[in-house]
Amino acid sequence: MHPSAQTPVRATDKLKTLKKMRENWELYTLLLIPFAYVLIFHYIPMTGLIIAFKNYNVVQGIFHSKWVGLAHFERFFNSYDFWNVLKNTLTLSVYNLVVGFPAPIILALCINYLPGERFKKLLQMTTYAPHFISVVVIAGILVQLLSREGLVNNLIVLLGGQRVNLMGIPEYFQSIYVFSGVWQQAGWGSIIYLAALSGIDPQLHEAARMDGASKLRRIWHIDIPGILPTIVILLIMDIGRIMNVGFQKVLLLQNPLNVSASEVIDTYVYKVGLISGMPNFSYAAAIGLFKSLIGVILIVAVNRIARKVNNTSLW
């Protein structure tokens, strides 16, 4: 088609769009509220990232502080703790992803095949409940259960063993963190998968049952392919957050004995960049920007791979 012939078509489409916007102006007005929220609280604050490249001074302000370029990034990369905190962050994140990501999928599949509706609802409510418990309360429960005088050690002594300071052994920290997170979040995470399972055509299961397929076969050939797009989308999002391991919970479970395994980037920033004798906001901002860049690179790369392999992606 000649370019001149496309112009009237585009003009007509624009007029139709404007007409629809005028007819539904109330909906677009409501849309302005979340748009303004995202703009004010998520995009405008990004201008503060400039302090990662400056020697920020409260008196001089963001735009008048001395420019130092990549000095704060170099300081972080050359610091004695860099490789340790990076290793701990990645190890904890990957461990949490490997164990925690499949847990809600497995739970949703199990709940989906329960025979009784009442028991199914009771189990759903029971598994959802831990999500609403505060992280502070969860950490307090773990410390009380796993301390030398806690319930777990009392059971060990009762069985003839010796008391062990479980919270003070670095090798145990990651497992304690990950499996307590699975207990707290698996039920809540299964909601999305249960919703996806409800959208699978029941006739597929009826046909499979008539052909003599077992439940495991139906799960493998019907349910998993049916929820695979949801799995891929959530996996991409989780990999994009791989550098964020949950600052609050790590800090609450951390102590001087397990710090070698529990010191992650977030807690390092909190201690060195914010609450040290001389807080360095620029240093903390530089480390935060480094984390964000890694997250963006990962989510773009995984999204591209998912689009090529499974034709499913975020964009």
Protein backbone atom coordinates (compact mmCIF):
# COMPACT_ATOMS: atom_id res chain seq x y z
CA MET A 1 0.00 0.00 0.00
CA HIS A 2 1.28 3.47 -0.83
CA PRO A 3 2.33 5.53 2.26
CA SER A 4 -0.18 8.24 1.36
CA ALA A 5 -3.00 5.69 1.51
CA GLN A 6 -2.05 4.71 5.07
CA THR A 7 -2.41 8.26 6.42
CA PRO A 8 -6.27 8.40 6.29
CA VAL A 9 -6.43 4.97 7.96
CA ARG A 10 -4.18 6.09 10.84
CA ALA A 11 -6.16 9.32 11.21
CA THR A 12 -9.40 7.33 11.39
CA ASP A 13 -7.95 5.05 14.08
CA LYS A 14 -6.86 8.05 16.11
CA LEU A 15 -10.31 9.61 15.85
CA LYS A 16 -11.91 6.34 17.00
CA THR A 17 -9.52 6.18 19.96
CA LEU A 18 -10.26 9.77 20.97
CA LYS A 19 -13.98 9.12 20.66
CA LYS A 20 -13.73 6.09 22.95
CA MET A 21 -11.73 8.13 25.46
CA ARG A 22 -14.39 10.85 25.49
CA GLU A 23 -17.16 8.30 25.94
CA ASN A 24 -15.33 6.61 28.84
CA TRP A 25 -13.72 9.68 30.41
CA GLU A 26 -14.73 8.54 33.91
CA LEU A 27 -12.60 5.38 33.62
CA TYR A 28 -9.61 7.36 32.36
CA THR A 29 -10.03 9.80 35.22
CA LEU A 30 -9.85 6.90 37.68
CA LEU A 31 -6.76 5.66 35.87
CA LEU A 32 -5.01 8.93 36.70
CA ILE A 33 -4.93 8.02 40.41
CA PRO A 34 -2.71 4.91 40.15
CA PHE A 35 -0.72 6.60 37.36
CA ALA A 36 0.00 9.58 39.62
CA TYR A 37 0.90 7.24 42.50
CA VAL A 38 3.44 5.32 40.39
CA LEU A 39 4.86 8.53 38.93
CA ILE A 40 5.24 10.31 42.28
CA PHE A 41 6.43 7.44 44.45
CA HIS A 42 8.31 5.24 41.95
CA TYR A 43 9.67 7.33 39.08
CA ILE A 44 10.35 10.80 40.47
CA PRO A 45 12.44 9.37 43.39
CA MET A 46 14.74 7.77 40.78
CA THR A 47 16.35 11.19 40.39
CA GLY A 48 17.89 10.51 43.80
CA LEU A 49 20.05 7.78 42.24
CA ILE A 50 22.41 10.53 41.18
CA ILE A 51 23.83 10.55 44.72
CA ALA A 52 25.44 7.18 43.92
CA PHE A 53 27.85 9.16 41.73
CA LYS A 54 28.36 12.00 44.19
CA ASN A 55 29.78 12.55 47.65
CA TYR A 56 26.36 13.42 49.03
CA ASN A 57 26.16 16.13 51.65
CA VAL A 58 22.86 17.01 53.31
CA VAL A 59 23.71 20.71 53.43
CA GLN A 60 24.73 20.94 49.76
CA GLY A 61 21.85 18.76 48.57
CA ILE A 62 21.61 16.20 45.80
CA PHE A 63 22.48 18.44 42.85
CA HIS A 64 25.23 20.52 44.47
CA SER A 65 27.22 17.77 46.17
CA LYS A 66 30.66 16.93 44.80
CA TRP A 67 30.72 14.57 41.80
CA VAL A 68 32.94 11.53 42.38
CA GLY A 69 31.92 9.29 39.46
CA LEU A 70 32.32 5.57 40.09
CA ALA A 71 34.31 5.96 43.30
CA HIS A 72 31.62 4.38 45.51
CA PHE A 73 31.22 1.42 43.16
CA GLU A 74 34.98 0.87 43.17
CA ARG A 75 35.01 1.05 46.96
CA PHE A 76 32.34 -1.64 47.16
CA PHE A 77 33.99 -3.91 44.59
CA ASN A 78 37.37 -3.57 46.30
CA SER A 79 36.07 -3.96 49.84
CA TYR A 80 37.08 -6.94 51.94
CA ASP A 81 33.44 -8.02 52.36
CA PHE A 82 32.37 -7.80 48.70
CA TRP A 83 32.84 -11.43 47.66
CA ASN A 84 31.48 -12.77 50.93
CA VAL A 85 28.25 -10.73 50.87
CA LEU A 86 27.78 -11.40 47.15
CA LYS A 87 28.27 -15.13 47.65
CA ASN A 88 25.89 -15.21 50.62
CA THR A 89 23.26 -13.21 48.71
CA LEU A 90 23.39 -15.40 45.60
CA THR A 91 23.57 -18.66 47.57
CA LEU A 92 20.60 -17.74 49.73
CA SER A 93 18.60 -16.46 46.75
CA VAL A 94 19.27 -19.48 44.54
CA TYR A 95 18.60 -21.88 47.43
CA ASN A 96 15.34 -20.08 48.14
CA LEU A 97 14.39 -20.16 44.45
CA VAL A 98 15.16 -23.86 44.02
CA VAL A 99 13.24 -24.90 47.14
CA GLY A 100 10.65 -22.17 47.42
CA PHE A 101 9.52 -21.78 43.82
CA PRO A 102 8.22 -25.35 43.25
CA ALA A 103 6.58 -25.54 46.70
CA PRO A 104 3.38 -23.57 45.87
CA ILE A 105 3.06 -25.43 42.56
CA ILE A 106 3.20 -28.82 44.29
CA LEU A 107 0.83 -27.63 47.01
CA ALA A 108 -1.67 -26.29 44.46
CA LEU A 109 -1.62 -29.57 42.53
CA CYS A 110 -2.17 -31.56 45.74
CA ILE A 111 -5.05 -29.33 46.87
CA ASN A 112 -6.61 -29.51 43.40
CA TYR A 113 -6.95 -33.30 43.66
CA LEU A 114 -8.38 -33.46 47.18
CA PRO A 115 -11.78 -35.21 47.14
CA GLY A 116 -13.72 -33.35 49.85
CA GLU A 117 -14.59 -29.67 49.36
CA ARG A 118 -14.72 -28.98 53.12
CA PHE A 119 -11.34 -30.56 53.75
CA LYS A 120 -9.93 -28.74 50.74
CA LYS A 121 -11.10 -25.36 52.05
CA LEU A 122 -9.79 -26.17 55.53
CA LEU A 123 -6.38 -27.05 54.13
CA GLN A 124 -6.32 -23.90 52.01
CA MET A 125 -7.13 -21.73 55.02
CA THR A 126 -4.49 -23.50 57.12
CA THR A 127 -1.76 -23.04 54.52
CA TYR A 128 -2.72 -19.40 53.78
CA ALA A 129 -2.67 -18.37 57.46
CA PRO A 130 1.15 -18.14 57.99
CA HIS A 131 1.38 -15.51 55.26
CA PHE A 132 -0.45 -13.05 57.49
CA ILE A 133 1.97 -13.50 60.40
CA SER A 134 4.47 -10.67 60.73
CA VAL A 135 8.08 -11.41 59.80
CA VAL A 136 9.07 -10.12 63.23
CA VAL A 137 6.81 -12.69 64.88
CA ILE A 138 8.12 -15.48 62.61
CA ALA A 139 11.71 -14.59 63.48
CA GLY A 140 10.85 -14.51 67.19
CA ILE A 141 9.22 -17.95 66.97
CA LEU A 142 12.27 -19.37 65.18
CA VAL A 143 14.69 -17.93 67.73
CA GLN A 144 12.65 -19.35 70.60
CA LEU A 145 12.27 -22.79 69.00
CA LEU A 146 15.90 -23.15 67.91
CA SER A 147 17.72 -21.58 70.87
CA ARG A 148 19.75 -23.76 73.25
CA GLU A 149 16.84 -23.82 75.70
CA GLY A 150 14.17 -24.02 73.02
CA LEU A 151 11.69 -26.76 72.16
CA VAL A 152 13.86 -28.39 69.48
CA ASN A 153 16.82 -28.74 71.84
CA ASN A 154 14.56 -30.07 74.58
CA LEU A 155 13.39 -32.79 72.19
CA ILE A 156 17.01 -33.58 71.27
CA VAL A 157 17.91 -33.98 74.95
CA LEU A 158 14.79 -36.08 75.52
CA LEU A 159 15.95 -38.43 72.75
CA GLY A 160 19.40 -38.72 74.34
CA GLY A 161 21.31 -36.08 72.37
CA GLN A 162 23.15 -32.94 73.39
CA ARG A 163 22.00 -29.36 73.09
CA VAL A 164 23.08 -27.56 69.92
CA ASN A 165 22.99 -23.82 69.29
CA LEU A 166 21.16 -24.13 65.97
CA MET A 167 20.92 -20.37 65.44
CA GLY A 168 24.66 -20.00 66.01
CA ILE A 169 25.86 -22.49 63.38
CA PRO A 170 26.46 -20.69 60.03
CA GLU A 171 25.83 -23.85 57.98
CA TYR A 172 22.26 -24.07 59.31
CA PHE A 173 21.26 -20.47 58.71
CA GLN A 174 20.34 -20.77 55.03
CA SER A 175 18.16 -23.85 55.57
CA ILE A 176 16.40 -22.22 58.51
CA TYR A 177 15.73 -19.11 56.44
CA VAL A 178 14.55 -20.95 53.31
CA PHE A 179 12.31 -23.63 54.86
CA SER A 180 10.67 -21.20 57.27
CA GLY A 181 9.93 -19.03 54.22
CA VAL A 182 8.41 -21.98 52.40
CA TRP A 183 6.16 -22.70 55.39
CA GLN A 184 5.07 -19.07 55.50
CA GLN A 185 4.58 -18.33 51.79
CA ALA A 186 3.78 -21.61 49.99
CA GLY A 187 0.05 -21.50 50.77
CA TRP A 188 -0.31 -17.90 49.66
CA GLY A 189 1.71 -18.52 46.50
CA SER A 190 -0.50 -21.48 45.59
CA ILE A 191 -3.51 -19.17 45.07
CA ILE A 192 -2.29 -18.11 41.63
CA TYR A 193 -1.69 -21.70 40.53
CA LEU A 194 -5.08 -22.84 41.84
CA ALA A 195 -6.69 -20.08 39.79
CA ALA A 196 -4.74 -21.23 36.72
CA LEU A 197 -5.74 -24.86 37.35
CA SER A 198 -9.41 -23.86 37.53
CA GLY A 199 -9.13 -22.53 33.98
CA ILE A 200 -8.15 -25.91 32.50
CA ASP A 201 -10.95 -27.54 30.49
CA PRO A 202 -12.54 -30.33 32.64
CA GLN A 203 -13.23 -32.31 29.47
CA LEU A 204 -9.50 -32.99 29.16
CA HIS A 205 -9.54 -34.73 32.54
CA GLU A 206 -12.72 -36.62 31.64
CA ALA A 207 -11.13 -37.91 28.44
CA ALA A 208 -7.94 -38.84 30.30
CA ARG A 209 -9.89 -40.77 32.95
CA MET A 210 -11.80 -42.66 30.25
CA ASP A 211 -8.45 -43.63 28.71
CA GLY A 212 -7.29 -44.96 32.10
CA ALA A 213 -4.76 -42.22 32.87
CA SER A 214 -3.59 -42.06 36.49
CA LYS A 215 -3.53 -38.84 38.51
CA LEU A 216 0.21 -38.49 37.99
CA ARG A 217 -0.26 -38.82 34.22
CA ARG A 218 -3.02 -36.22 34.26
CA ILE A 219 -0.86 -33.87 36.29
CA TRP A 220 2.09 -34.30 33.93
CA HIS A 221 0.21 -34.13 30.62
CA ILE A 222 -2.73 -31.81 31.44
CA ASP A 223 -2.21 -29.71 34.56
CA ILE A 224 1.45 -28.74 34.20
CA PRO A 225 1.14 -27.76 30.50
CA GLY A 226 -2.01 -25.82 31.40
CA ILE A 227 -0.30 -23.72 34.06
CA LEU A 228 3.09 -23.55 32.34
CA PRO A 229 2.63 -19.94 31.09
CA THR A 230 1.86 -18.86 34.68
CA ILE A 231 4.90 -20.75 35.96
CA VAL A 232 7.17 -19.09 33.39
CA ILE A 233 5.90 -15.57 34.14
CA LEU A 234 6.34 -15.99 37.90
CA LEU A 235 9.76 -17.58 37.42
CA ILE A 236 10.92 -14.59 35.37
CA MET A 237 9.73 -12.22 38.09
CA ASP A 238 11.39 -14.26 40.84
CA ILE A 239 14.71 -14.36 38.99
CA GLY A 240 14.50 -10.58 38.58
CA ARG A 241 14.29 -10.32 42.39
CA ILE A 242 17.16 -12.73 42.98
CA MET A 243 19.34 -10.06 44.60
CA ASN A 244 16.61 -9.21 47.13
CA VAL A 245 16.56 -11.90 49.81
CA GLY A 246 14.40 -10.17 52.41
CA PHE A 247 16.38 -7.73 54.51
CA GLN A 248 14.11 -7.73 57.55
CA LYS A 249 14.05 -11.46 58.18
CA VAL A 250 17.78 -11.92 57.58
CA LEU A 251 18.60 -9.11 59.99
CA LEU A 252 16.29 -10.48 62.68
CA LEU A 253 17.77 -13.99 62.45
CA GLN A 254 21.35 -12.75 62.27
CA ASN A 255 23.72 -12.93 65.24
CA PRO A 256 27.51 -12.67 65.71
CA LEU A 257 27.91 -16.46 65.42
CA ASN A 258 26.17 -16.93 62.05
CA VAL A 259 27.11 -13.59 60.47
CA SER A 260 29.64 -15.25 58.14
CA ALA A 261 26.74 -16.96 56.34
CA SER A 262 23.95 -14.44 56.97
CA GLU A 263 25.64 -11.18 55.94
CA VAL A 264 23.97 -10.32 52.62
CA ILE A 265 24.14 -7.17 50.53
CA ASP A 266 21.05 -5.62 52.16
CA THR A 267 22.32 -6.06 55.71
CA TYR A 268 25.79 -4.89 54.66
CA VAL A 269 24.32 -1.69 53.21
CA TYR A 270 22.27 -1.13 56.36
CA LYS A 271 25.29 -1.49 58.63
CA VAL A 272 28.01 0.18 56.60
CA GLY A 273 26.06 2.74 54.63
CA LEU A 274 23.32 3.81 57.05
CA ILE A 275 23.92 3.08 60.76
CA SER A 276 27.70 3.22 61.00
CA GLY A 277 29.43 6.01 62.91
CA MET A 278 29.52 8.12 59.75
CA PRO A 279 26.57 7.16 57.49
CA ASN A 280 27.40 7.25 53.80
CA PHE A 281 24.20 7.60 51.81
CA SER A 282 26.06 7.76 48.51
CA TYR A 283 27.78 4.45 49.20
CA ALA A 284 24.46 2.83 50.12
CA ALA A 285 22.83 4.24 46.96
CA ALA A 286 25.67 2.92 44.79
CA ILE A 287 25.24 -0.60 46.16
CA GLY A 288 21.47 -0.39 45.71
CA LEU A 289 21.93 0.72 42.10
CA PHE A 290 24.33 -2.18 41.52
CA LYS A 291 21.67 -4.60 42.80
CA SER A 292 19.01 -3.05 40.59
CA LEU A 293 21.18 -3.28 37.48
CA ILE A 294 21.86 -6.97 38.12
CA GLY A 295 18.11 -7.54 38.53
CA VAL A 296 17.30 -5.73 35.27
CA ILE A 297 19.94 -7.71 33.34
CA LEU A 298 18.65 -11.01 34.73
CA ILE A 299 14.98 -10.30 34.06
CA VAL A 300 15.67 -9.13 30.48
CA ALA A 301 17.87 -12.17 29.74
CA VAL A 302 15.45 -14.71 31.23
CA ASN A 303 12.50 -13.04 29.52
CA ARG A 304 14.24 -13.33 26.15
CA ILE A 305 15.12 -16.98 26.76
CA ALA A 306 11.53 -17.78 27.82
CA ARG A 307 10.14 -16.07 24.72
CA LYS A 308 12.37 -18.13 22.43
CA VAL A 309 11.87 -21.45 24.23
CA ASN A 310 8.20 -21.34 25.24
CA ASN A 311 6.71 -18.29 23.49
CA THR A 312 5.77 -16.96 26.92
CA SER A 313 7.23 -13.76 28.33
CA LEU A 314 6.48 -10.60 30.27
CA TRP A 315 6.79 -8.48 27.15
